């Protein structure tokens, strides 16, 4: 059943009411994948549940196997709650078909930015599965499909609201889930607006907005933007909406105040810049729009290190060539930044340079191919503590989620960092891990570009990079790091003036028995986002090659293939991709 985001508060009231009188200790179970948007969305839910005294339990999940084991243990222990919330997971499969016993008792609420949503989850007759639609994107797509001529029992019936001129009308759409158009829509994966923004809309409907909940939604949006899940145009639209919210919640209050300097009795003294000082005002939270730079964690190390670890800068200046390093040095000279300042920690730089960095980059970015290096974002100020940008926290949290083998502990620590409840020492460790991770991605990416003729093969419809020794060199063989590597390689090939093609990364896992395969798609121009068909192609390639692959990730563009059958899999994938062109 589909509920559009403006009616989300009604679904929330159902969740609250279903827990009243329940004999379960936990009345709401929330499944949360390991990414920033999911943690940010869960943080908003946490605040709402705490206000309304709803007994809840947040469970981190890495993939479908974790969901399955959770359901099996709760069915065995008879501990299923009345409500189960799926944050950024569960929407792409038919929940009622995969877990029929679970949803005889419980109701699922899907808040998922992955697209497409499986049609069976949207069926009006399926009251146990509730899907939240963001900005009516799901229903708009459904309305474009042809009407089904099949009987009701063989069709999917979906209700939603559309605006006709100035009137909002409720529409009932009947579709054939097996029609060519319907299958085509299901085979193309993409992302919609972040789940955290959908839940901020819920907080607004429940009159529970605050600077904290706004900050959570900002983090989710920032991750979507940095990972190229949404294009520049959509990002700017959502940024402007959140900027208006920040202005409303801060009520235009200043962060500074002017205090007269006492001199004698001070009576009748006129406050002027000479007779007064400007000091910061301590506030628990303050969110301010800011122009950020695509320089990874710039405020936490030197400008030079940040530039040398930036996918954007390294790819555009082509730092894997000696000439690229020379161009970087020339850029610093043109911007009027001495090398000694660029090698100084950000906080110790000259205040004049530090405060005019964005302006200096803007003046020279076009001449050095760095157009788009600045982007609108937000900065968080807490009392007298050093300010943090949204991208700082996104990078730090993503790094935390990779630490160690205990993913539950990593989830708990990352959850605290997102909620600003973690210690400063914990955040500092995460920043250091994030810096190390950025260096690893850039180092491996430049190495691959230096020997691209041997390591990267142009298969026609896509390029594929074979990374056989990643684990040995300490590079984390997991989807998010491989996606970062793929994005770097796509941008690097774009600067080499070669055709823009999707990039597939095939990295051998530490066990040497399997290879993690990740597909990264991109638009023709930087800032554009194209849907991906690789999830469907992975499945068909495995079927054609008669091999068994693992697609446990909630992201369909990730799979694991037996090492000895990788080349057979890639051959079939190439043939299928040619047919799709």
Protein backbone atom coordinates (compact mmCIF):
# COMPACT_ATOMS: atom_id res chain seq x y z
CA UNK A 1 0.00 0.00 0.00
CA UNK A 2 1.34 3.40 -1.00
CA UNK A 3 1.20 6.46 1.28
CA UNK A 4 2.45 9.79 0.02
CA UNK A 5 4.75 11.78 2.23
CA UNK A 6 2.16 14.39 3.25
CA UNK A 7 0.17 11.58 4.89
CA UNK A 8 3.17 10.11 6.68
CA UNK A 9 1.95 11.41 10.04
CA UNK A 10 -1.11 9.15 9.72
CA UNK A 11 1.14 6.12 9.35
CA UNK A 12 3.14 7.31 12.35
CA UNK A 13 -0.01 7.51 14.46
CA UNK A 14 -0.82 3.94 13.43
CA UNK A 15 2.62 2.88 14.67
CA UNK A 16 2.10 4.62 18.01
CA UNK A 17 -1.41 3.25 18.46
CA UNK A 18 -0.44 -0.32 17.53
CA UNK A 19 1.98 -0.41 20.45
CA UNK A 20 -0.70 0.47 23.00
CA UNK A 21 -1.91 -2.71 24.60
CA UNK A 22 0.68 -4.88 22.85
CA UNK A 23 2.14 -7.69 24.95
CA UNK A 24 5.57 -7.20 23.33
CA UNK A 25 8.30 -5.35 25.21
CA UNK A 26 9.49 -3.80 21.94
CA UNK A 27 6.59 -2.47 19.87
CA UNK A 28 8.62 -1.06 16.96
CA UNK A 29 11.57 -2.73 15.27
CA UNK A 30 13.69 -0.57 12.96
CA UNK A 31 16.11 -2.10 10.45
CA UNK A 32 18.96 0.26 9.58
CA UNK A 33 21.64 -0.35 6.88
CA UNK A 34 25.16 0.95 7.45
CA UNK A 35 25.11 4.33 5.71
CA UNK A 36 24.82 7.94 6.81
CA UNK A 37 21.35 8.65 5.42
CA UNK A 38 19.91 5.61 7.22
CA UNK A 39 21.56 6.64 10.49
CA UNK A 40 20.32 10.21 10.07
CA UNK A 41 16.76 9.03 9.36
CA UNK A 42 16.91 6.72 12.37
CA UNK A 43 18.08 9.61 14.54
CA UNK A 44 14.90 11.51 13.66
CA UNK A 45 12.80 8.44 14.49
CA UNK A 46 14.68 8.10 17.77
CA UNK A 47 13.73 11.66 18.76
CA UNK A 48 10.07 11.10 17.85
CA UNK A 49 9.82 7.77 19.67
CA UNK A 50 11.48 9.24 22.76
CA UNK A 51 8.98 12.10 22.82
CA UNK A 52 5.99 9.76 22.45
CA UNK A 53 7.32 7.02 24.78
CA UNK A 54 7.31 4.37 22.05
CA UNK A 55 9.28 1.24 22.93
CA UNK A 56 11.69 0.66 20.05
CA UNK A 57 14.78 -1.24 18.99
CA UNK A 58 17.18 -0.26 16.20
CA UNK A 59 18.88 -3.18 14.44
CA UNK A 60 21.83 -2.68 12.06
CA UNK A 61 21.68 -4.86 8.93
CA UNK A 62 24.28 -5.34 6.21
CA UNK A 63 22.11 -7.19 3.72
CA UNK A 64 19.20 -9.53 3.11
CA UNK A 65 20.84 -12.40 5.02
CA UNK A 66 20.81 -10.26 8.18
CA UNK A 67 17.11 -9.53 7.67
CA UNK A 68 16.40 -13.23 7.26
CA UNK A 69 18.27 -14.23 10.42
CA UNK A 70 16.52 -11.50 12.43
CA UNK A 71 13.09 -12.69 11.31
CA UNK A 72 13.92 -16.33 11.96
CA UNK A 73 15.07 -15.66 15.52
CA UNK A 74 12.06 -13.48 16.32
CA UNK A 75 9.58 -15.95 14.85
CA UNK A 76 11.18 -18.69 16.91
CA UNK A 77 11.09 -16.56 20.05
CA UNK A 78 7.58 -15.26 19.35
CA UNK A 79 8.90 -11.70 19.70
CA UNK A 80 7.66 -9.99 16.55
CA UNK A 81 6.50 -6.43 17.30
CA UNK A 82 3.32 -4.97 15.78
CA UNK A 83 5.34 -2.52 13.62
CA UNK A 84 8.55 -3.01 11.63
CA UNK A 85 10.21 -0.05 9.90
CA UNK A 86 12.60 -0.60 6.99
CA UNK A 87 14.90 2.39 6.52
CA UNK A 88 16.57 2.31 3.09
CA UNK A 89 16.04 -1.43 2.78
CA UNK A 90 13.28 -3.89 1.95
CA UNK A 91 11.59 -1.87 -0.76
CA UNK A 92 13.21 -3.60 -3.73
CA UNK A 93 11.87 -7.07 -2.92
CA UNK A 94 8.37 -8.36 -2.26
CA UNK A 95 8.31 -8.53 1.53
CA UNK A 96 5.05 -10.47 1.65
CA UNK A 97 6.50 -13.15 -0.67
CA UNK A 98 9.86 -13.44 1.07
CA UNK A 99 8.60 -13.33 4.67
CA UNK A 100 4.91 -14.37 4.63
CA UNK A 101 4.87 -15.59 8.25
CA UNK A 102 6.25 -12.29 9.54
CA UNK A 103 3.54 -10.13 8.03
CA UNK A 104 0.67 -12.21 9.30
CA UNK A 105 1.28 -10.46 12.62
CA UNK A 106 3.34 -7.35 11.90
CA UNK A 107 2.92 -4.35 9.62
CA UNK A 108 5.90 -3.15 7.57
CA UNK A 109 6.60 0.54 6.95
CA UNK A 110 9.10 1.09 4.13
CA UNK A 111 11.01 4.38 3.96
CA UNK A 112 13.49 3.58 1.21
CA UNK A 113 15.39 5.86 -1.16
CA UNK A 114 16.24 2.94 -3.46
CA UNK A 115 14.22 2.76 -6.65
CA UNK A 116 12.35 0.91 -7.98
CA UNK A 117 9.97 -0.23 -5.26
CA UNK A 118 8.64 -3.74 -5.89
CA UNK A 119 5.05 -3.60 -7.18
CA UNK A 120 3.71 -6.11 -4.66
CA UNK A 121 4.70 -3.75 -1.85
CA UNK A 122 2.56 -1.04 -3.47
CA UNK A 123 -0.63 -3.07 -3.92
CA UNK A 124 -3.62 -1.46 -2.15
CA UNK A 125 -4.89 -4.88 -1.10
CA UNK A 126 -1.68 -5.53 0.82
CA UNK A 127 -2.52 -3.65 4.03
CA UNK A 128 0.39 -5.17 5.95
CA UNK A 129 3.00 -3.44 3.75
CA UNK A 130 3.04 0.37 3.78
CA UNK A 131 5.39 2.24 1.44
CA UNK A 132 6.14 5.92 1.95
CA UNK A 133 6.42 7.82 -1.34
CA UNK A 134 8.65 10.90 -1.46
CA UNK A 135 7.26 13.82 -3.45
CA UNK A 136 4.97 11.35 -5.30
CA UNK A 137 7.89 10.04 -7.41
CA UNK A 138 6.76 6.41 -7.15
CA UNK A 139 3.14 7.14 -8.02
CA UNK A 140 4.11 9.47 -10.86
CA UNK A 141 6.09 6.63 -12.44
CA UNK A 142 3.24 4.16 -11.92
CA UNK A 143 0.78 6.54 -13.60
CA UNK A 144 2.94 6.53 -16.74
CA UNK A 145 2.50 2.76 -17.16
CA UNK A 146 -0.29 1.44 -19.42
CA UNK A 147 -3.53 0.31 -17.78
CA UNK A 148 -3.83 -3.42 -17.21
CA UNK A 149 -6.42 -5.39 -19.14
CA UNK A 150 -5.98 -8.40 -16.85
CA UNK A 151 -8.48 -9.32 -14.12
CA UNK A 152 -7.93 -7.75 -10.70
CA UNK A 153 -6.41 -10.87 -9.16
CA UNK A 154 -3.61 -10.83 -11.78
CA UNK A 155 -3.02 -7.08 -11.60
CA UNK A 156 -1.49 -4.68 -9.12
CA UNK A 157 -3.84 -1.95 -7.87
CA UNK A 158 -2.19 1.21 -6.58
CA UNK A 159 -3.87 4.37 -5.25
CA UNK A 160 -2.34 7.80 -5.00
CA UNK A 161 -2.94 11.51 -5.37
CA UNK A 162 -2.25 13.67 -8.40
CA UNK A 163 -2.73 17.37 -8.95
CA UNK A 164 -4.95 18.32 -11.88
CA UNK A 165 -4.67 22.07 -12.39
CA UNK A 166 -5.44 23.34 -8.87
CA UNK A 167 -7.33 20.30 -7.59
CA UNK A 168 -5.77 17.27 -5.88
CA UNK A 169 -7.50 14.08 -6.95
CA UNK A 170 -7.22 10.53 -5.69
CA UNK A 171 -6.48 8.11 -8.53
CA UNK A 172 -6.59 4.32 -8.61
CA UNK A 173 -4.19 2.74 -11.11
CA UNK A 174 -4.30 -0.91 -12.24
CA UNK A 175 -1.12 -2.24 -13.85
CA UNK A 176 0.14 -5.50 -15.29
CA UNK A 177 3.34 -6.28 -13.33
CA UNK A 178 4.60 -8.50 -16.16
CA UNK A 179 4.10 -6.05 -19.01
CA UNK A 180 7.17 -4.93 -20.93
CA UNK A 181 6.87 -1.37 -19.60
CA UNK A 182 6.49 -2.54 -15.99
CA UNK A 183 9.46 -4.88 -16.19
CA UNK A 184 11.55 -2.16 -17.82
CA UNK A 185 10.86 0.15 -14.88
CA UNK A 186 11.80 -2.56 -12.37
CA UNK A 187 15.08 -3.28 -14.13
CA UNK A 188 16.43 0.27 -13.83
CA UNK A 189 17.84 1.16 -10.41
CA UNK A 190 18.31 4.67 -9.10
CA UNK A 191 17.92 6.76 -5.93
CA UNK A 192 15.18 9.13 -4.86
CA UNK A 193 15.35 11.80 -2.15
CA UNK A 194 17.10 10.77 1.09
CA UNK A 195 15.03 8.89 3.67
CA UNK A 196 16.12 11.44 6.28
CA UNK A 197 14.29 14.20 4.38
CA UNK A 198 11.12 12.13 4.32
CA UNK A 199 11.34 11.70 8.08
CA UNK A 200 12.07 15.38 8.59
CA UNK A 201 8.74 15.97 6.84
CA UNK A 202 7.20 13.64 9.43
CA UNK A 203 8.85 15.57 12.27
CA UNK A 204 7.44 18.77 10.78
CA UNK A 205 3.94 17.28 10.56
CA UNK A 206 4.25 16.20 14.21
CA UNK A 207 5.43 19.70 15.26
CA UNK A 208 8.73 18.27 16.43
CA UNK A 209 11.25 20.04 14.22
CA UNK A 210 14.43 21.31 15.81
CA UNK A 211 17.94 22.22 14.79
CA UNK A 212 18.96 18.67 15.70
CA UNK A 213 16.42 16.98 13.42
CA UNK A 214 17.23 19.49 10.68
CA UNK A 215 20.91 18.64 11.00
CA UNK A 216 20.13 14.94 10.63
CA UNK A 217 18.32 15.59 7.34
CA UNK A 218 21.23 17.76 6.16
CA UNK A 219 23.63 14.86 6.74
CA UNK A 220 21.44 12.51 4.69
CA UNK A 221 21.22 15.01 1.83
CA UNK A 222 24.98 15.64 1.92
CA UNK A 223 25.77 11.93 1.65
CA UNK A 224 23.41 11.56 -1.31
CA UNK A 225 25.12 14.49 -3.02
CA UNK A 226 28.70 13.37 -2.36
CA UNK A 227 27.93 9.83 -3.56
CA UNK A 228 26.19 11.21 -6.69
CA UNK A 229 22.86 9.61 -5.82
CA UNK A 230 21.09 12.82 -6.84
CA UNK A 231 22.03 15.37 -9.48
CA UNK A 232 23.09 18.97 -8.90
CA UNK A 233 19.69 20.43 -9.79
CA UNK A 234 17.78 18.28 -7.30
CA UNK A 235 20.43 18.90 -4.66
CA UNK A 236 20.11 22.67 -5.00
CA UNK A 237 16.31 22.44 -4.74
CA UNK A 238 16.51 20.41 -1.53
CA UNK A 239 19.35 22.58 -0.19
CA UNK A 240 17.22 25.71 -0.60
CA UNK A 241 14.34 24.07 1.25
CA UNK A 242 16.61 23.14 4.17
CA UNK A 243 18.20 26.58 4.13
CA UNK A 244 14.76 28.10 4.63
CA UNK A 245 14.20 25.72 7.54
CA UNK A 246 17.53 26.71 9.09
CA UNK A 247 16.58 30.38 8.84
CA UNK A 248 13.18 29.69 10.40
CA UNK A 249 14.55 27.69 13.31
CA UNK A 250 17.38 30.09 14.12
CA UNK A 251 15.02 33.05 13.81
CA UNK A 252 17.77 35.23 12.39
CA UNK A 253 19.69 35.33 15.68
CA UNK A 254 23.32 36.36 15.45
CA UNK A 255 26.25 34.29 16.60
CA UNK A 256 28.10 37.37 17.82
CA UNK A 257 27.37 40.29 20.10
CA UNK A 258 29.08 43.63 20.69
CA UNK A 259 30.24 44.50 24.20
CA UNK A 260 31.45 48.01 25.13
CA UNK A 261 34.92 48.25 26.64
CA UNK A 262 34.79 49.70 30.14
CA UNK A 263 36.79 52.93 30.38
CA UNK A 264 36.33 54.99 33.49
CA UNK A 265 32.68 55.09 34.52
CA UNK A 266 31.62 54.30 30.91
CA UNK A 267 28.55 56.53 31.25
CA UNK A 268 27.30 57.95 27.98
CA UNK A 269 29.97 56.11 26.02
CA UNK A 270 28.99 55.55 22.37
CA UNK A 271 29.71 51.99 21.20
CA UNK A 272 32.14 52.11 18.27
CA UNK A 273 34.65 49.61 16.87
CA UNK A 274 37.28 51.39 18.98
CA UNK A 275 35.32 51.35 22.25
CA UNK A 276 33.86 47.84 21.91
CA UNK A 277 34.72 44.24 21.07
CA UNK A 278 32.76 41.59 19.18
CA UNK A 279 32.58 38.22 20.92
CA UNK A 280 30.89 34.93 20.02
CA UNK A 281 27.64 34.01 21.71
CA UNK A 282 27.44 30.49 23.09
CA UNK A 283 24.53 28.55 21.65
CA UNK A 284 23.89 24.84 21.89
CA UNK A 285 23.39 24.53 18.13
CA UNK A 286 23.56 26.87 15.18
CA UNK A 287 23.29 25.85 11.51
CA UNK A 288 24.56 28.18 8.83
CA UNK A 289 24.72 27.86 5.03
CA UNK A 290 28.25 27.95 3.68
CA UNK A 291 30.11 27.45 0.41
CA UNK A 292 32.10 24.26 0.91
CA UNK A 293 34.98 22.99 -1.20
CA UNK A 294 35.49 19.51 -2.63
CA UNK A 295 38.64 19.15 -0.52
CA UNK A 296 38.27 16.12 1.74
CA UNK A 297 38.20 17.06 5.45
CA UNK A 298 40.07 20.29 4.67
CA UNK A 299 39.57 21.71 8.17
CA UNK A 300 41.22 18.72 9.81
CA UNK A 301 44.62 18.59 8.09
CA UNK A 302 46.65 20.70 5.69
CA UNK A 303 45.24 22.27 2.54
CA UNK A 304 47.84 20.48 0.40
CA UNK A 305 47.04 17.04 1.85
CA UNK A 306 43.34 17.71 1.43
CA UNK A 307 43.78 18.66 -2.22
CA UNK A 308 45.98 15.63 -2.88
CA UNK A 309 43.29 13.37 -1.38
CA UNK A 310 40.35 14.93 -3.21
CA UNK A 311 38.82 12.81 -5.98
CA UNK A 312 37.64 16.00 -7.66
CA UNK A 313 41.02 17.78 -7.70
CA UNK A 314 43.24 14.76 -8.33
CA UNK A 315 41.16 13.60 -11.31
CA UNK A 316 40.91 17.04 -12.91
CA UNK A 317 44.56 17.98 -12.48
CA UNK A 318 45.59 14.39 -13.32
CA UNK A 319 48.03 14.17 -10.45
CA UNK A 320 49.17 10.69 -11.50
CA UNK A 321 51.32 12.53 -14.06
CA UNK A 322 54.28 14.73 -13.11
CA UNK A 323 52.69 17.54 -15.12
CA UNK A 324 49.65 17.30 -12.85
CA UNK A 325 51.75 17.94 -9.76
CA UNK A 326 53.26 20.97 -11.48
CA UNK A 327 49.77 22.28 -12.30
CA UNK A 328 48.82 21.90 -8.63
CA UNK A 329 51.83 24.00 -7.59
CA UNK A 330 51.00 26.62 -10.22
CA UNK A 331 47.40 26.75 -8.96
CA UNK A 332 48.62 27.48 -5.43
CA UNK A 333 50.87 30.26 -6.75
CA UNK A 334 48.06 31.81 -8.80
CA UNK A 335 45.77 31.75 -5.76
CA UNK A 336 48.44 33.52 -3.72
CA UNK A 337 48.90 30.66 -1.27
CA UNK A 338 52.58 30.06 -0.36
CA UNK A 339 53.60 26.40 -0.18
CA UNK A 340 54.45 26.76 3.52
CA UNK A 341 50.86 27.89 4.16
CA UNK A 342 49.46 25.00 2.11
CA UNK A 343 51.53 22.62 4.26
CA UNK A 344 50.28 24.19 7.50
CA UNK A 345 47.29 22.73 9.32
CA UNK A 346 44.09 24.53 8.42
CA UNK A 347 43.58 26.01 11.89
CA UNK A 348 47.14 27.42 11.85
CA UNK A 349 46.92 29.02 8.41
CA UNK A 350 46.91 32.76 7.95
CA UNK A 351 43.41 33.99 8.77
CA UNK A 352 43.35 36.04 5.56
CA UNK A 353 44.01 32.94 3.44
CA UNK A 354 41.70 30.70 5.46
CA UNK A 355 38.76 33.10 5.24
CA UNK A 356 39.16 33.72 1.50
CA UNK A 357 39.86 30.17 0.30
CA UNK A 358 36.54 29.76 -1.53
CA UNK A 359 36.96 33.13 -3.23
CA UNK A 360 40.51 32.26 -4.32
CA UNK A 361 39.39 28.95 -5.81
CA UNK A 362 36.46 30.64 -7.56
CA UNK A 363 38.82 33.09 -9.27
CA UNK A 364 40.97 30.36 -10.81
CA UNK A 365 38.82 27.22 -11.00
CA UNK A 366 37.75 27.71 -14.63
CA UNK A 367 41.33 28.07 -15.90
CA UNK A 368 42.40 24.87 -14.16
CA UNK A 369 39.36 22.77 -15.06
CA UNK A 370 38.00 22.88 -11.52
CA UNK A 371 34.56 24.34 -12.23
CA UNK A 372 32.17 23.07 -9.59
CA UNK A 373 34.77 22.75 -6.84
CA UNK A 374 32.59 24.88 -4.56
CA UNK A 375 29.10 23.75 -3.60
CA UNK A 376 26.47 25.05 -1.18
CA UNK A 377 26.37 23.20 2.12
CA UNK A 378 25.93 23.78 5.84
CA UNK A 379 28.15 24.27 8.84
CA UNK A 380 27.27 23.34 12.41
CA UNK A 381 28.39 25.43 15.38
CA UNK A 382 28.03 24.22 18.95
CA UNK A 383 28.83 26.70 21.68
CA UNK A 384 32.49 27.65 21.45
CA UNK A 385 33.56 24.37 19.84
CA UNK A 386 35.20 24.32 16.42
CA UNK A 387 32.58 24.36 13.64
CA UNK A 388 31.92 21.23 11.60
CA UNK A 389 30.75 21.01 8.02
CA UNK A 390 28.15 18.44 6.98
CA UNK A 391 30.70 16.78 4.69
CA UNK A 392 33.15 16.43 7.62
CA UNK A 393 30.67 14.32 9.56
CA UNK A 394 29.61 12.31 6.50
CA UNK A 395 33.21 11.33 5.76
CA UNK A 396 33.89 10.54 9.43
CA UNK A 397 30.77 8.40 9.89
CA UNK A 398 31.38 6.46 6.68
CA UNK A 399 34.88 5.69 7.95
CA UNK A 400 33.56 4.60 11.36
CA UNK A 401 31.24 2.09 9.71
CA UNK A 402 34.31 0.33 8.24
CA UNK A 403 36.22 0.01 11.52
CA UNK A 404 36.81 -3.50 12.86
CA UNK A 405 34.76 -6.64 12.41
CA UNK A 406 32.04 -5.87 14.98
CA UNK A 407 29.54 -4.06 12.79
CA UNK A 408 27.08 -3.67 15.69
CA UNK A 409 29.65 -1.71 17.70
CA UNK A 410 30.55 0.36 14.64
CA UNK A 411 26.85 1.09 14.12
CA UNK A 412 26.41 2.19 17.74
CA UNK A 413 29.43 4.51 17.63
CA UNK A 414 28.41 5.95 14.25
CA UNK A 415 24.87 6.50 15.54
CA UNK A 416 26.28 8.54 18.42
CA UNK A 417 28.47 10.61 16.09
CA UNK A 418 25.49 11.43 13.87
CA UNK A 419 23.43 12.39 16.92
CA UNK A 420 26.33 14.52 18.24
CA UNK A 421 26.34 12.32 21.34
CA UNK A 422 29.77 10.78 20.81
CA UNK A 423 32.94 11.99 22.50
CA UNK A 424 35.34 14.37 20.77
CA UNK A 425 38.03 11.67 20.92
CA UNK A 426 35.76 9.24 19.04
CA UNK A 427 35.11 11.80 16.31
CA UNK A 428 38.83 12.59 16.05
CA UNK A 429 39.59 8.90 15.53
CA UNK A 430 36.93 8.73 12.82
CA UNK A 431 38.41 11.78 11.07
CA UNK A 432 41.86 10.16 11.06
CA UNK A 433 40.36 6.95 9.66
CA UNK A 434 38.53 8.95 6.98
CA UNK A 435 41.75 10.71 5.96
CA UNK A 436 43.55 7.38 5.69
CA UNK A 437 40.67 5.97 3.65
CA UNK A 438 40.75 8.94 1.23
CA UNK A 439 44.48 8.45 0.73
CA UNK A 440 43.96 4.74 0.01
CA UNK A 441 41.32 5.41 -2.63
CA UNK A 442 43.42 8.08 -4.37
CA UNK A 443 46.63 6.04 -4.16
CA UNK A 444 45.04 2.92 -5.68
CA UNK A 445 43.16 5.00 -8.24
CA UNK A 446 46.31 6.79 -9.43
CA UNK A 447 48.18 3.49 -9.58
CA UNK A 448 45.45 2.02 -11.79
CA UNK A 449 45.51 5.08 -14.06
CA UNK A 450 49.30 4.89 -14.36
CA UNK A 451 49.04 1.34 -15.70
CA UNK A 452 45.54 1.59 -17.10
CA UNK A 453 46.37 -0.36 -20.24
CA UNK A 454 47.19 -3.38 -18.10
CA UNK A 455 44.69 -3.05 -15.24
CA UNK A 456 41.61 -1.46 -16.83
CA UNK A 457 39.91 -3.03 -19.84
CA UNK A 458 37.45 -1.28 -22.13
CA UNK A 459 34.80 -3.92 -22.80
CA UNK A 460 32.74 -1.65 -25.03
CA UNK A 461 29.63 -0.88 -22.96
CA UNK A 462 31.70 -0.43 -19.78
CA UNK A 463 35.24 -0.41 -18.39
CA UNK A 464 36.34 -2.95 -15.82
CA UNK A 465 39.22 -2.59 -13.35
CA UNK A 466 40.67 -5.78 -11.90
CA UNK A 467 42.07 -5.28 -8.38
CA UNK A 468 43.66 -8.51 -7.24
CA UNK A 469 45.83 -7.33 -4.33
CA UNK A 470 43.61 -4.78 -2.59
CA UNK A 471 43.34 -6.69 0.70
CA UNK A 472 47.11 -7.26 0.82
CA UNK A 473 47.79 -3.54 0.62
CA UNK A 474 45.22 -2.76 3.33
CA UNK A 475 42.53 -1.42 1.01
CA UNK A 476 39.07 -2.32 2.38
CA UNK A 477 37.34 -4.64 -0.08
CA UNK A 478 33.78 -3.57 0.66
CA UNK A 479 31.14 -1.85 -1.49
CA UNK A 480 31.42 1.76 -0.29
CA UNK A 481 35.21 1.93 -0.80
CA UNK A 482 34.94 0.26 -4.20
CA UNK A 483 32.21 2.73 -5.21
CA UNK A 484 34.53 5.61 -4.23
CA UNK A 485 37.29 4.05 -6.33
CA UNK A 486 34.91 3.63 -9.27
CA UNK A 487 33.79 7.26 -9.06
CA UNK A 488 37.41 8.40 -9.08
CA UNK A 489 38.22 6.31 -12.16
CA UNK A 490 35.15 7.58 -14.03
CA UNK A 491 36.16 11.18 -13.35
CA UNK A 492 39.76 10.43 -14.30
CA UNK A 493 38.78 8.93 -17.66
CA UNK A 494 36.49 11.90 -18.28
CA UNK A 495 39.54 14.18 -17.95
CA UNK A 496 41.54 11.95 -20.28
CA UNK A 497 39.02 13.00 -22.96
CA UNK A 498 37.93 9.43 -23.51
CA UNK A 499 34.36 8.20 -23.77
CA UNK A 500 32.35 8.33 -20.55
CA UNK A 501 31.45 4.73 -19.65
CA UNK A 502 30.19 2.99 -16.52
CA UNK A 503 32.99 1.52 -14.40
CA UNK A 504 33.01 -1.95 -12.89
CA UNK A 505 35.44 -2.73 -10.08
CA UNK A 506 36.29 -6.39 -9.49
CA UNK A 507 38.28 -6.81 -6.26
CA UNK A 508 39.42 -10.10 -4.78
CA UNK A 509 38.16 -10.65 -1.23
CA UNK A 510 40.57 -11.60 1.59
CA UNK A 511 39.38 -15.23 1.45
CA UNK A 512 40.60 -15.39 -2.19
CA UNK A 513 37.54 -17.52 -2.98
CA UNK A 514 35.24 -14.72 -4.15
CA UNK A 515 35.44 -11.39 -5.92
CA UNK A 516 33.31 -8.38 -5.00
CA UNK A 517 31.96 -6.76 -8.16
CA UNK A 518 30.61 -3.21 -8.02
CA UNK A 519 29.13 -1.25 -10.93
CA UNK A 520 29.30 2.56 -10.89
CA UNK A 521 27.23 4.51 -13.43
CA UNK A 522 27.43 8.19 -14.25
CA UNK A 523 25.96 10.89 -16.45
CA UNK A 524 27.68 12.29 -19.51
CA UNK A 525 28.54 15.46 -17.58
CA UNK A 526 29.74 15.90 -14.02
CA UNK A 527 26.79 16.48 -11.71
CA UNK A 528 24.39 14.42 -13.81
CA UNK A 529 23.03 11.09 -12.57
CA UNK A 530 22.00 8.19 -14.78
CA UNK A 531 19.92 5.15 -13.73
CA UNK A 532 21.71 1.80 -13.69
CA UNK A 533 20.65 -1.53 -15.18
CA UNK A 534 23.54 -3.51 -13.75
CA UNK A 535 21.48 -5.16 -11.01
CA UNK A 536 19.36 -6.92 -13.61
CA UNK A 537 22.38 -7.57 -15.83
CA UNK A 538 24.26 -9.21 -12.95
CA UNK A 539 21.39 -11.65 -12.39
CA UNK A 540 21.01 -12.48 -16.09
CA UNK A 541 24.77 -12.92 -16.55
CA UNK A 542 24.86 -15.41 -13.69
CA UNK A 543 21.90 -17.32 -15.14
CA UNK A 544 23.43 -17.44 -18.62
CA UNK A 545 26.78 -18.58 -17.23
CA UNK A 546 25.04 -21.08 -14.94
CA UNK A 547 26.95 -19.90 -11.90
CA UNK A 548 25.78 -18.93 -8.44
CA UNK A 549 26.50 -15.39 -7.29
CA UNK A 550 25.63 -13.59 -4.07
CA UNK A 551 23.53 -10.42 -4.25
CA UNK A 552 23.02 -9.88 -0.54
CA UNK A 553 23.51 -6.11 -0.58
CA UNK A 554 20.55 -3.71 -0.52
CA UNK A 555 22.29 -2.01 -3.46
CA UNK A 556 21.60 -4.08 -6.57
CA UNK A 557 24.81 -2.92 -8.27
CA UNK A 558 26.89 -5.05 -5.87
CA UNK A 559 27.49 -8.81 -6.07
CA UNK A 560 30.02 -11.50 -5.19
CA UNK A 561 31.28 -13.94 -7.82
CA UNK A 562 33.42 -17.09 -7.38
CA UNK A 563 37.01 -16.18 -8.24
CA UNK A 564 37.51 -19.01 -10.72
CA UNK A 565 34.33 -18.08 -12.62
CA UNK A 566 34.86 -14.31 -12.77
CA UNK A 567 35.95 -14.17 -16.42
CA UNK A 568 32.99 -16.32 -17.50
CA UNK A 569 30.68 -13.97 -15.61
CA UNK A 570 32.27 -10.87 -17.18
CA UNK A 571 31.97 -12.36 -20.69
CA UNK A 572 28.24 -12.91 -20.23
CA UNK A 573 27.84 -9.47 -18.67
CA UNK A 574 29.55 -7.88 -21.67
CA UNK A 575 27.27 -9.66 -24.14
CA UNK A 576 24.17 -8.57 -22.25
CA UNK A 577 25.40 -4.98 -21.96
CA UNK A 578 25.99 -4.84 -25.73
CA UNK A 579 22.38 -5.93 -26.30
CA UNK A 580 21.14 -3.13 -24.00
CA UNK A 581 22.91 -0.44 -26.02
